Amino acid sequence: MTKLLLVFLGSGIGGAARYGVNVWSLKAFGPGFPAGTLIVNVVGGLAMGLIAGWLAFRASVPWSQDLRLFLTTGILGGFTTFSAFSLDAVTLIERGDYGAAALYVVLSVVLSIAAVAVGLAVIRSFS
């Protein structure tokens, strides 16, 4: 139950931060380009790399699993799931599994875009 609470609290923080970036970017850049999403994805990817690397190679604390859940699954999961996608892709690349990494990236992007298109089409069909 503690782990679920850590993820829950972190997700709220991350979601609020994402909202803040989106509001700021609309004021700064206007609505013509999804700058907020781009910023969130890049910042989230950088943060995921820093946190995952620190926890894997530097941290030697007994509560690092709880900290990982709070920071990566919670805060970064609420901020952007693209950071988790990016970490998965880099992990496959670092393992030398280039084919699986390429397949994962292509399938994730293409199928996610297709799923959104299908979802929109289904809803539009009821209108």
Protein backbone atom coordinates (compact mmCIF):
# COMPACT_ATOMS: atom_id res chain seq x y z
CA MET A 1 0.00 0.00 0.00
CA THR A 2 2.91 2.37 0.72
CA LYS A 3 4.26 1.90 -2.81
CA LEU A 4 0.87 2.70 -4.34
CA LEU A 5 0.64 5.85 -2.23
CA LEU A 6 4.12 6.96 -3.35
CA VAL A 7 3.14 6.54 -7.02
CA PHE A 8 -0.19 8.27 -6.42
CA LEU A 9 1.39 11.31 -4.76
CA GLY A 10 4.18 11.53 -7.32
CA SER A 11 1.70 11.33 -10.20
CA GLY A 12 -0.22 14.29 -8.82
CA ILE A 13 2.95 16.35 -8.58
CA GLY A 14 4.00 15.37 -12.10
CA GLY A 15 0.56 16.07 -13.55
CA ALA A 16 0.46 19.50 -11.93
CA ALA A 17 3.94 20.25 -13.28
CA ARG A 18 2.89 19.18 -16.78
CA TYR A 19 -0.14 21.46 -16.58
CA GLY A 20 2.11 24.32 -15.50
CA VAL A 21 4.49 23.78 -18.43
CA ASN A 22 1.57 23.64 -20.87
CA VAL A 23 0.02 26.87 -19.54
CA TRP A 24 3.40 28.63 -19.62
CA SER A 25 4.26 27.40 -23.13
CA LEU A 26 0.92 28.56 -24.54
CA LYS A 27 1.65 32.05 -23.24
CA ALA A 28 5.28 31.94 -24.38
CA PHE A 29 4.91 30.29 -27.80
CA GLY A 30 1.22 30.40 -28.69
CA PRO A 31 -1.02 27.56 -29.80
CA GLY A 32 0.48 26.93 -33.24
CA PHE A 33 2.95 24.23 -32.18
CA PRO A 34 2.74 21.76 -29.27
CA ALA A 35 5.80 23.26 -27.56
CA GLY A 36 4.55 22.29 -24.11
CA THR A 37 4.42 18.61 -25.01
CA LEU A 38 7.83 18.79 -26.64
CA ILE A 39 9.33 20.50 -23.59
CA VAL A 40 7.72 18.00 -21.21
CA ASN A 41 8.98 15.05 -23.26
CA VAL A 42 12.56 16.34 -23.51
CA VAL A 43 12.78 17.47 -19.88
CA GLY A 44 11.14 14.23 -18.76
CA GLY A 45 13.62 12.18 -20.79
CA LEU A 46 16.57 14.05 -19.32
CA ALA A 47 15.18 13.70 -15.81
CA MET A 48 14.56 9.97 -16.35
CA GLY A 49 18.16 9.47 -17.47
CA LEU A 50 19.54 11.42 -14.54
CA ILE A 51 17.35 9.71 -11.96
CA ALA A 52 17.67 6.18 -13.35
CA GLY A 53 21.42 6.60 -13.69
CA TRP A 54 21.83 8.00 -10.21
CA LEU A 55 19.72 5.27 -8.64
CA ALA A 56 21.48 2.54 -10.63
CA PHE A 57 25.07 3.72 -10.29
CA ARG A 58 25.33 6.18 -7.40
CA ALA A 59 22.63 5.63 -4.82
CA SER A 60 23.28 3.12 -2.09
CA VAL A 61 20.32 3.87 0.13
CA PRO A 62 18.00 1.14 1.41
CA TRP A 63 14.93 3.08 0.29
CA SER A 64 16.06 3.54 -3.31
CA GLN A 65 13.21 1.33 -4.64
CA ASP A 66 10.62 3.57 -2.96
CA LEU A 67 12.45 6.66 -4.21
CA ARG A 68 12.53 5.21 -7.75
CA LEU A 69 8.78 4.56 -7.64
CA PHE A 70 8.04 8.06 -6.36
CA LEU A 71 10.32 9.87 -8.81
CA THR A 72 10.11 7.81 -12.01
CA THR A 73 6.77 5.99 -11.95
CA GLY A 74 5.09 8.74 -9.94
CA ILE A 75 6.39 12.20 -10.76
CA LEU A 76 7.77 11.47 -14.23
CA GLY A 77 4.84 9.16 -15.03
CA GLY A 78 2.46 12.02 -14.23
CA PHE A 79 4.67 14.50 -16.06
CA THR A 80 5.26 12.41 -19.19
CA THR A 81 5.10 8.75 -20.08
CA PHE A 82 7.49 9.51 -22.93
CA SER A 83 10.33 9.39 -20.41
CA ALA A 84 9.50 5.75 -19.59
CA PHE A 85 9.29 4.95 -23.30
CA SER A 86 12.68 6.59 -23.84
CA LEU A 87 14.28 4.67 -20.97
CA ASP A 88 12.93 1.38 -22.33
CA ALA A 89 14.32 2.15 -25.78
CA VAL A 90 17.75 3.13 -24.44
CA THR A 91 17.85 0.03 -22.22
CA LEU A 92 17.28 -2.17 -25.28
CA ILE A 93 20.00 -0.28 -27.17
CA GLU A 94 22.46 -0.58 -24.28
CA ARG A 95 21.80 -4.33 -24.18
CA GLY A 96 22.79 -4.44 -27.84
CA ASP A 97 19.32 -5.50 -28.92
CA TYR A 98 19.10 -2.97 -31.76
CA GLY A 99 16.39 -4.81 -33.67
CA ALA A 100 14.09 -4.95 -30.66
CA ALA A 101 14.83 -1.28 -29.90
CA ALA A 102 13.96 -0.21 -33.45
CA LEU A 103 10.83 -2.36 -33.46
CA TYR A 104 9.78 -0.99 -30.07
CA VAL A 105 10.25 2.63 -31.16
CA VAL A 106 8.48 2.22 -34.51
CA LEU A 107 5.61 0.17 -33.09
CA SER A 108 5.15 2.51 -30.13
CA VAL A 109 4.92 5.61 -32.30
CA VAL A 110 2.93 4.15 -35.19
CA LEU A 111 0.50 2.11 -33.09
CA SER A 112 -0.05 4.93 -30.59
CA ILE A 113 -0.87 7.39 -33.37
CA ALA A 114 -3.09 4.80 -35.05
CA ALA A 115 -4.86 4.09 -31.74
CA VAL A 116 -5.62 7.79 -31.28
CA ALA A 117 -6.95 7.97 -34.85
CA VAL A 118 -9.14 4.89 -34.28
CA GLY A 119 -10.43 6.29 -30.99
CA LEU A 120 -11.33 9.59 -32.62
CA ALA A 121 -12.99 7.79 -35.54
CA VAL A 122 -15.09 5.64 -33.19
CA ILE A 123 -16.30 8.67 -31.26
CA ARG A 124 -16.96 10.64 -34.45
CA SER A 125 -19.05 7.75 -35.78
CA PHE A 126 -21.51 8.30 -32.90
CA SER A 127 -21.89 12.01 -33.73
